[in-house]
Amino acid sequence: MSVWVQTDVECHACGHVFQERTVDGLNLTRNPDIRIAVLEGRLNVFACPACRATVMVERTFLYTDLERGHFILVRPMSALPWYARIERDIEDLYHFYVENEPTGRLFSAEQLAAFKVRAVVGYPWLQEKLRLFDADLDDRVVEAMKVAILRDRPELKGYMQLLVDDVRQDELRFIATLEKGRRPLTFGVDRALYELTEDRRDALAEDLPELFEHAFVDLRRYIVRPAEQGAA
């Protein structure tokens, strides 16, 4: 089942502290409507009762959707340097709760092989994963695309994050963010580039094995300096 907890929320705009019910774990098998809230960016988002500013509360939680084969550990953006630890955590959780007996008996070998076990850092990246999965796009191929896009587009020099904001019939819409003093850039990439990239899947898996063999399927693993010590 999904788990919710009462949380003290401090408004970043006026400092007012108020209580809200925030998510601590999401089981989409039993609560399918919550998926819509995630995709629409309404999860753990509140209006401050004092000044009406929008406040987002980032929490760590496990997102499971066994019908779709999604098993995702979501962490706040502040945990990004600890992505290696986060992906080990979700891989261990998946092995313990899904692959192990007796749960493992519920799934065929083909179903288990198709499970998407992911470590996600930042709520927008959870939205991105769900958009890609809904469109039947391989997020590993999309992350490989991002590597090439950052390399080949001079106007993106210095940007460290690319996020798929929309999946359209003929293109993927991206947002480039995270460089001080510069506004986010929004641009489209023809869906044909995805098809061309997917055709090179085997070669990409050899060149970028971290994207294809581990749970943190994210361009940022090549950009952010990892941290192994201290609290995540």
C-alpha atoms as a PDB file:
ATOM      1  CA  MET A   1       0.000   0.000   0.000  1.00  0.00           C
ATOM      2  CA  SER A   2       0.994   3.665  -0.284  1.00  0.00           C
ATOM      3  CA  VAL A   3       2.348   5.345   2.851  1.00  0.00           C
ATOM      4  CA  TRP A   4       1.649   8.941   3.875  1.00  0.00           C
ATOM      5  CA  VAL A   5       3.042  10.893   6.827  1.00  0.00           C
ATOM      6  CA  GLN A   6       2.294  14.247   8.444  1.00  0.00           C
ATOM      7  CA  THR A   7       5.182  16.624   7.765  1.00  0.00           C
ATOM      8  CA  ASP A   8       6.115  20.100   8.961  1.00  0.00           C
ATOM      9  CA  VAL A   9       6.505  22.207   5.819  1.00  0.00           C
ATOM     10  CA  GLU A  10       8.379  25.522   5.865  1.00  0.00           C
ATOM     11  CA  CYS A  11       7.511  28.038   3.159  1.00  0.00           C
ATOM     12  CA  HIS A  12      10.628  29.206   1.297  1.00  0.00           C
ATOM     13  CA  ALA A  13       8.958  32.563   0.580  1.00  0.00           C
ATOM     14  CA  CYS A  14       7.655  33.738   3.961  1.00  0.00           C
ATOM     15  CA  GLY A  15       8.997  31.197   6.480  1.00  0.00           C
ATOM     16  CA  HIS A  16       5.557  30.087   7.634  1.00  0.00           C
ATOM     17  CA  VAL A  17       5.506  26.496   8.965  1.00  0.00           C
ATOM     18  CA  PHE A  18       2.441  24.359   8.344  1.00  0.00           C
ATOM     19  CA  GLN A  19       1.569  20.665   8.316  1.00  0.00           C
ATOM     20  CA  GLU A  20       0.730  18.611   5.254  1.00  0.00           C
ATOM     21  CA  ARG A  21       0.299  14.956   4.377  1.00  0.00           C
ATOM     22  CA  THR A  22       3.299  13.895   2.276  1.00  0.00           C
ATOM     23  CA  VAL A  23       4.095  10.674   0.493  1.00  0.00           C
ATOM     24  CA  ASP A  24       6.549   8.221   2.046  1.00  0.00           C
ATOM     25  CA  GLY A  25       5.938   5.325  -0.350  1.00  0.00           C
ATOM     26  CA  LEU A  26       3.830   4.792  -3.466  1.00  0.00           C
ATOM     27  CA  ASN A  27       2.249   1.503  -4.494  1.00  0.00           C
ATOM     28  CA  LEU A  28       0.600   2.227  -7.847  1.00  0.00           C
ATOM     29  CA  THR A  29      -0.888  -1.255  -8.049  1.00  0.00           C
ATOM     30  CA  ARG A  30      -3.351  -0.218  -5.337  1.00  0.00           C
ATOM     31  CA  ASN A  31      -3.443   3.534  -5.994  1.00  0.00           C
ATOM     32  CA  PRO A  32      -3.375   4.042  -9.783  1.00  0.00           C
ATOM     33  CA  ASP A  33      -4.750   7.597  -9.605  1.00  0.00           C
ATOM     34  CA  ILE A  34      -1.615   8.819  -7.840  1.00  0.00           C
ATOM     35  CA  ARG A  35       0.296   8.288 -11.070  1.00  0.00           C
ATOM     36  CA  ILE A  36      -1.609  11.179 -12.621  1.00  0.00           C
ATOM     37  CA  ALA A  37      -0.565  13.441  -9.745  1.00  0.00           C
ATOM     38  CA  VAL A  38       3.071  12.465 -10.337  1.00  0.00           C
ATOM     39  CA  LEU A  39       2.880  13.191 -14.073  1.00  0.00           C
ATOM     40  CA  GLU A  40       1.149  16.516 -13.493  1.00  0.00           C
ATOM     41  CA  GLY A  41       3.738  17.601 -10.926  1.00  0.00           C
ATOM     42  CA  ARG A  42       1.272  17.721  -8.020  1.00  0.00           C
ATOM     43  CA  LEU A  43       2.974  15.176  -5.769  1.00  0.00           C
ATOM     44  CA  ASN A  44       4.063  16.723  -2.443  1.00  0.00           C
ATOM     45  CA  VAL A  45       3.313  20.211  -3.806  1.00  0.00           C
ATOM     46  CA  PHE A  46       1.362  22.602  -1.585  1.00  0.00           C
ATOM     47  CA  ALA A  47       0.201  26.208  -1.384  1.00  0.00           C
ATOM     48  CA  CYS A  48       1.441  28.066   1.678  1.00  0.00           C
ATOM     49  CA  PRO A  49      -1.655  29.069   3.690  1.00  0.00           C
ATOM     50  CA  ALA A  50       0.034  32.336   4.690  1.00  0.00           C
ATOM     51  CA  CYS A  51       1.292  33.727   1.374  1.00  0.00           C
ATOM     52  CA  ARG A  52      -0.005  31.193  -1.203  1.00  0.00           C
ATOM     53  CA  ALA A  53       3.504  30.501  -2.533  1.00  0.00           C
ATOM     54  CA  THR A  54       3.960  27.052  -4.078  1.00  0.00           C
ATOM     55  CA  VAL A  55       6.089  24.786  -1.900  1.00  0.00           C
ATOM     56  CA  MET A  56       7.444  21.384  -2.987  1.00  0.00           C
ATOM     57  CA  VAL A  57       8.539  18.907  -0.320  1.00  0.00           C
ATOM     58  CA  GLU A  58      11.126  16.427  -1.541  1.00  0.00           C
ATOM     59  CA  ARG A  59      11.189  13.134   0.319  1.00  0.00           C
ATOM     60  CA  THR A  60      12.782   9.769  -0.278  1.00  0.00           C
ATOM     61  CA  PHE A  61      10.239   7.141  -1.268  1.00  0.00           C
ATOM     62  CA  LEU A  62       9.869   3.853  -3.100  1.00  0.00           C
ATOM     63  CA  TYR A  63       7.658   3.949  -6.189  1.00  0.00           C
ATOM     64  CA  THR A  64       6.322   0.538  -7.207  1.00  0.00           C
ATOM     65  CA  ASP A  65       3.979  -0.365 -10.035  1.00  0.00           C
ATOM     66  CA  LEU A  66       4.056  -4.142 -10.355  1.00  0.00           C
ATOM     67  CA  GLU A  67       1.547  -4.230 -13.198  1.00  0.00           C
ATOM     68  CA  ARG A  68       3.828  -2.096 -15.355  1.00  0.00           C
ATOM     69  CA  GLY A  69       7.016  -3.587 -13.912  1.00  0.00           C
ATOM     70  CA  HIS A  70       8.320  -0.352 -12.354  1.00  0.00           C
ATOM     71  CA  PHE A  71      10.437  -0.476  -9.198  1.00  0.00           C
ATOM     72  CA  ILE A  72      11.941   2.949  -8.518  1.00  0.00           C
ATOM     73  CA  LEU A  73      13.726   4.546  -5.574  1.00  0.00           C
ATOM     74  CA  VAL A  74      13.236   8.328  -5.620  1.00  0.00           C
ATOM     75  CA  ARG A  75      15.608  10.635  -3.738  1.00  0.00           C
ATOM     76  CA  PRO A  76      15.746  14.455  -3.431  1.00  0.00           C
ATOM     77  CA  MET A  77      18.046  16.477  -5.684  1.00  0.00           C
ATOM     78  CA  SER A  78      20.407  17.046  -2.757  1.00  0.00           C
ATOM     79  CA  ALA A  79      21.287  13.336  -2.834  1.00  0.00           C
ATOM     80  CA  LEU A  80      22.675  13.439  -6.393  1.00  0.00           C
ATOM     81  CA  PRO A  81      26.369  13.002  -5.445  1.00  0.00           C
ATOM     82  CA  TRP A  82      25.416   9.732  -3.716  1.00  0.00           C
ATOM     83  CA  TYR A  83      23.838   8.176  -6.819  1.00  0.00           C
ATOM     84  CA  ALA A  84      26.082   5.098  -6.640  1.00  0.00           C
ATOM     85  CA  ARG A  85      24.820   4.269  -3.162  1.00  0.00           C
ATOM     86  CA  ILE A  86      21.221   4.947  -4.205  1.00  0.00           C
ATOM     87  CA  GLU A  87      21.392   2.572  -7.150  1.00  0.00           C
ATOM     88  CA  ARG A  88      22.895  -0.146  -4.957  1.00  0.00           C
ATOM     89  CA  ASP A  89      20.042   0.367  -2.497  1.00  0.00           C
ATOM     90  CA  ILE A  90      17.309  -0.079  -5.111  1.00  0.00           C
ATOM     91  CA  GLU A  91      19.033  -3.068  -6.704  1.00  0.00           C
ATOM     92  CA  ASP A  92      19.204  -4.717  -3.267  1.00  0.00           C
ATOM     93  CA  LEU A  93      15.560  -3.870  -2.519  1.00  0.00           C
ATOM     94  CA  TYR A  94      14.439  -5.283  -5.848  1.00  0.00           C
ATOM     95  CA  HIS A  95      16.317  -8.517  -5.262  1.00  0.00           C
ATOM     96  CA  PHE A  96      14.888  -8.865  -1.749  1.00  0.00           C
ATOM     97  CA  TYR A  97      11.258  -7.893  -2.416  1.00  0.00           C
ATOM     98  CA  VAL A  98      10.641  -8.961  -6.033  1.00  0.00           C
ATOM     99  CA  GLU A  99      13.121 -11.592  -7.174  1.00  0.00           C
ATOM    100  CA  ASN A 100      13.260 -13.483  -3.900  1.00  0.00           C
ATOM    101  CA  GLU A 101      10.810 -16.143  -2.766  1.00  0.00           C
ATOM    102  CA  PRO A 102       7.874 -16.091  -2.467  1.00  0.00           C
ATOM    103  CA  THR A 103       7.292 -12.906  -4.527  1.00  0.00           C
ATOM    104  CA  GLY A 104       9.457 -14.138  -7.367  1.00  0.00           C
ATOM    105  CA  ARG A 105       6.980 -16.905  -8.081  1.00  0.00           C
ATOM    106  CA  LEU A 106       4.393 -14.321  -9.096  1.00  0.00           C
ATOM    107  CA  PHE A 107       6.401 -13.377 -12.188  1.00  0.00           C
ATOM    108  CA  SER A 108       7.746 -15.298 -15.129  1.00  0.00           C
ATOM    109  CA  ALA A 109      11.406 -15.069 -16.093  1.00  0.00           C
ATOM    110  CA  GLU A 110      10.399 -12.821 -19.001  1.00  0.00           C
ATOM    111  CA  GLN A 111       8.478 -10.480 -16.691  1.00  0.00           C
ATOM    112  CA  LEU A 112      11.363 -10.235 -14.260  1.00  0.00           C
ATOM    113  CA  ALA A 113      13.764  -9.492 -17.096  1.00  0.00           C
ATOM    114  CA  ALA A 114      11.491  -6.656 -18.263  1.00  0.00           C
ATOM    115  CA  PHE A 115      11.282  -4.958 -14.855  1.00  0.00           C
ATOM    116  CA  LYS A 116      12.535  -1.380 -14.861  1.00  0.00           C
ATOM    117  CA  VAL A 117      14.583  -1.033 -11.689  1.00  0.00           C
ATOM    118  CA  ARG A 118      15.671   2.575 -11.410  1.00  0.00           C
ATOM    119  CA  ALA A 119      17.319   5.020  -9.025  1.00  0.00           C
ATOM    120  CA  VAL A 120      15.887   8.496  -9.628  1.00  0.00           C
ATOM    121  CA  VAL A 121      17.209  11.729  -8.138  1.00  0.00           C
ATOM    122  CA  GLY A 122      14.784  14.653  -8.295  1.00  0.00           C
ATOM    123  CA  TYR A 123      11.014  14.486  -8.782  1.00  0.00           C
ATOM    124  CA  PRO A 124      11.129  15.837 -12.366  1.00  0.00           C
ATOM    125  CA  TRP A 125      13.234  12.831 -13.335  1.00  0.00           C
ATOM    126  CA  LEU A 126      10.533  10.495 -12.038  1.00  0.00           C
ATOM    127  CA  GLN A 127       8.069  12.312 -14.295  1.00  0.00           C
ATOM    128  CA  GLU A 128      10.504  11.933 -17.184  1.00  0.00           C
ATOM    129  CA  LYS A 129      10.845   8.183 -16.649  1.00  0.00           C
ATOM    130  CA  LEU A 130       7.072   7.718 -16.638  1.00  0.00           C
ATOM    131  CA  ARG A 131       6.663   9.800 -19.808  1.00  0.00           C
ATOM    132  CA  LEU A 132       9.261   7.701 -21.608  1.00  0.00           C
ATOM    133  CA  PHE A 133       7.830   4.409 -20.369  1.00  0.00           C
ATOM    134  CA  ASP A 134       4.317   5.480 -21.435  1.00  0.00           C
ATOM    135  CA  ALA A 135       5.647   6.196 -24.924  1.00  0.00           C
ATOM    136  CA  ASP A 136       7.400   2.808 -24.999  1.00  0.00           C
ATOM    137  CA  LEU A 137      10.796   4.510 -25.242  1.00  0.00           C
ATOM    138  CA  ASP A 138      13.901   3.026 -23.666  1.00  0.00           C
ATOM    139  CA  ASP A 139      15.229   5.518 -21.114  1.00  0.00           C
ATOM    140  CA  ARG A 140      18.730   4.071 -21.538  1.00  0.00           C
ATOM    141  CA  VAL A 141      18.678   4.996 -25.220  1.00  0.00           C
ATOM    142  CA  VAL A 142      17.338   8.459 -24.379  1.00  0.00           C
ATOM    143  CA  GLU A 143      20.177   9.053 -21.895  1.00  0.00           C
ATOM    144  CA  ALA A 144      22.672   7.998 -24.559  1.00  0.00           C
ATOM    145  CA  MET A 145      20.994  10.546 -26.848  1.00  0.00           C
ATOM    146  CA  LYS A 146      21.533  13.204 -24.207  1.00  0.00           C
ATOM    147  CA  VAL A 147      25.260  12.468 -24.114  1.00  0.00           C
ATOM    148  CA  ALA A 148      25.443  13.054 -27.881  1.00  0.00           C
ATOM    149  CA  ILE A 149      23.228  16.156 -27.728  1.00  0.00           C
ATOM    150  CA  LEU A 150      25.426  17.848 -25.109  1.00  0.00           C
ATOM    151  CA  ARG A 151      28.517  16.930 -27.102  1.00  0.00           C
ATOM    152  CA  ASP A 152      27.229  18.110 -30.489  1.00  0.00           C
ATOM    153  CA  ARG A 153      25.339  21.313 -29.614  1.00  0.00           C
ATOM    154  CA  PRO A 154      27.647  24.271 -28.830  1.00  0.00           C
ATOM    155  CA  GLU A 155      24.773  26.312 -27.407  1.00  0.00           C
ATOM    156  CA  LEU A 156      24.472  23.765 -24.580  1.00  0.00           C
ATOM    157  CA  LYS A 157      28.050  24.167 -23.397  1.00  0.00           C
ATOM    158  CA  GLY A 158      28.049  24.435 -19.613  1.00  0.00           C
ATOM    159  CA  TYR A 159      24.612  22.927 -19.105  1.00  0.00           C
ATOM    160  CA  MET A 160      24.663  19.864 -16.875  1.00  0.00           C
ATOM    161  CA  GLN A 161      21.112  18.546 -17.025  1.00  0.00           C
ATOM    162  CA  LEU A 162      18.808  17.568 -19.867  1.00  0.00           C
ATOM    163  CA  LEU A 163      15.247  16.598 -19.049  1.00  0.00           C
ATOM    164  CA  VAL A 164      12.579  15.261 -21.414  1.00  0.00           C
ATOM    165  CA  ASP A 165       9.635  17.558 -20.748  1.00  0.00           C
ATOM    166  CA  ASP A 166       7.269  16.186 -23.383  1.00  0.00           C
ATOM    167  CA  VAL A 167       7.087  13.232 -25.790  1.00  0.00           C
ATOM    168  CA  ARG A 168       5.324  14.111 -29.031  1.00  0.00           C
ATOM    169  CA  GLN A 169       4.587  12.087 -32.116  1.00  0.00           C
ATOM    170  CA  ASP A 170       7.391  13.670 -34.127  1.00  0.00           C
ATOM    171  CA  GLU A 171       9.805  14.950 -31.485  1.00  0.00           C
ATOM    172  CA  LEU A 172      11.079  14.887 -27.928  1.00  0.00           C
ATOM    173  CA  ARG A 173      10.994  18.209 -26.087  1.00  0.00           C
ATOM    174  CA  PHE A 174      13.966  18.851 -23.806  1.00  0.00           C
ATOM    175  CA  ILE A 175      14.779  21.340 -21.069  1.00  0.00           C
ATOM    176  CA  ALA A 176      18.459  22.121 -20.419  1.00  0.00           C
ATOM    177  CA  THR A 177      19.168  23.438 -16.933  1.00  0.00           C
ATOM    178  CA  LEU A 178      21.748  24.000 -14.189  1.00  0.00           C
ATOM    179  CA  GLU A 179      24.208  26.677 -15.038  1.00  0.00           C
ATOM    180  CA  LYS A 180      24.413  29.735 -12.827  1.00  0.00           C
ATOM    181  CA  GLY A 181      23.102  32.925 -14.362  1.00  0.00           C
ATOM    182  CA  ARG A 182      21.575  31.284 -17.425  1.00  0.00           C
ATOM    183  CA  ARG A 183      17.943  30.559 -18.027  1.00  0.00           C
ATOM    184  CA  PRO A 184      16.776  27.051 -18.915  1.00  0.00           C
ATOM    185  CA  LEU A 185      16.707  26.295 -22.631  1.00  0.00           C
ATOM    186  CA  THR A 186      13.830  24.420 -24.244  1.00  0.00           C
ATOM    187  CA  PHE A 187      14.310  22.703 -27.582  1.00  0.00           C
ATOM    188  CA  GLY A 188      12.998  19.816 -29.665  1.00  0.00           C
ATOM    189  CA  VAL A 189      14.769  16.784 -31.105  1.00  0.00           C
ATOM    190  CA  ASP A 190      13.299  14.796 -33.980  1.00  0.00           C
ATOM    191  CA  ARG A 191      12.044  11.340 -32.986  1.00  0.00           C
ATOM    192  CA  ALA A 192      14.129   9.981 -35.852  1.00  0.00           C
ATOM    193  CA  LEU A 193      17.239  10.576 -33.730  1.00  0.00           C
ATOM    194  CA  TYR A 194      15.828   8.211 -31.125  1.00  0.00           C
ATOM    195  CA  GLU A 195      15.316   5.533 -33.773  1.00  0.00           C
ATOM    196  CA  LEU A 196      18.869   5.985 -35.061  1.00  0.00           C
ATOM    197  CA  THR A 197      20.247   5.815 -31.538  1.00  0.00           C
ATOM    198  CA  GLU A 198      18.207   2.717 -30.736  1.00  0.00           C
ATOM    199  CA  ASP A 199      19.651   0.999 -33.810  1.00  0.00           C
ATOM    200  CA  ARG A 200      23.079   1.388 -32.170  1.00  0.00           C
ATOM    201  CA  ARG A 201      21.963  -0.083 -28.857  1.00  0.00           C
ATOM    202  CA  ASP A 202      24.592  -2.862 -28.765  1.00  0.00           C
ATOM    203  CA  ALA A 203      27.450  -0.486 -29.510  1.00  0.00           C
ATOM    204  CA  LEU A 204      26.136   2.032 -26.976  1.00  0.00           C
ATOM    205  CA  ALA A 205      25.878  -0.654 -24.310  1.00  0.00           C
ATOM    206  CA  GLU A 206      29.590  -1.290 -24.800  1.00  0.00           C
ATOM    207  CA  ASP A 207      30.526   2.406 -24.851  1.00  0.00           C
ATOM    208  CA  LEU A 208      28.247   3.441 -21.964  1.00  0.00           C
ATOM    209  CA  PRO A 209      27.840   0.292 -19.855  1.00  0.00           C
ATOM    210  CA  GLU A 210      26.865   2.242 -16.732  1.00  0.00           C
ATOM    211  CA  LEU A 211      23.625   3.350 -18.410  1.00  0.00           C
ATOM    212  CA  PHE A 212      22.687  -0.137 -19.531  1.00  0.00           C
ATOM    213  CA  GLU A 213      23.802  -2.246 -16.568  1.00  0.00           C
ATOM    214  CA  HIS A 214      22.879  -0.211 -13.486  1.00  0.00           C
ATOM    215  CA  ALA A 215      19.837   1.423 -11.919  1.00  0.00           C
ATOM    216  CA  PHE A 216      20.902   5.080 -12.145  1.00  0.00           C
ATOM    217  CA  VAL A 217      20.074   5.512 -15.821  1.00  0.00           C
ATOM    218  CA  ASP A 218      20.975   9.169 -16.011  1.00  0.00           C
ATOM    219  CA  LEU A 219      23.345  11.380 -17.989  1.00  0.00           C
ATOM    220  CA  ARG A 220      24.339  13.116 -14.748  1.00  0.00           C
ATOM    221  CA  ARG A 221      26.364  10.115 -13.603  1.00  0.00           C
ATOM    222  CA  TYR A 222      29.019  11.251 -16.111  1.00  0.00           C
ATOM    223  CA  ILE A 223      28.935  14.871 -14.941  1.00  0.00           C
ATOM    224  CA  VAL A 224      28.431  14.975 -11.173  1.00  0.00           C
ATOM    225  CA  ARG A 225      31.384  14.096  -8.984  1.00  0.00           C
ATOM    226  CA  PRO A 226      30.273  11.080  -6.923  1.00  0.00           C
ATOM    227  CA  ALA A 227      30.482  11.080  -3.134  1.00  0.00           C
ATOM    228  CA  GLU A 228      30.848   7.903  -1.109  1.00  0.00           C
ATOM    229  CA  GLN A 229      31.301   9.339   2.383  1.00  0.00           C
ATOM    230  CA  GLY A 230      28.849  11.092   4.682  1.00  0.00           C
ATOM    231  CA  ALA A 231      25.080  11.198   4.706  1.00  0.00           C
ATOM    232  CA  ALA A 232      23.147  10.939   1.474  1.00  0.00           C
END
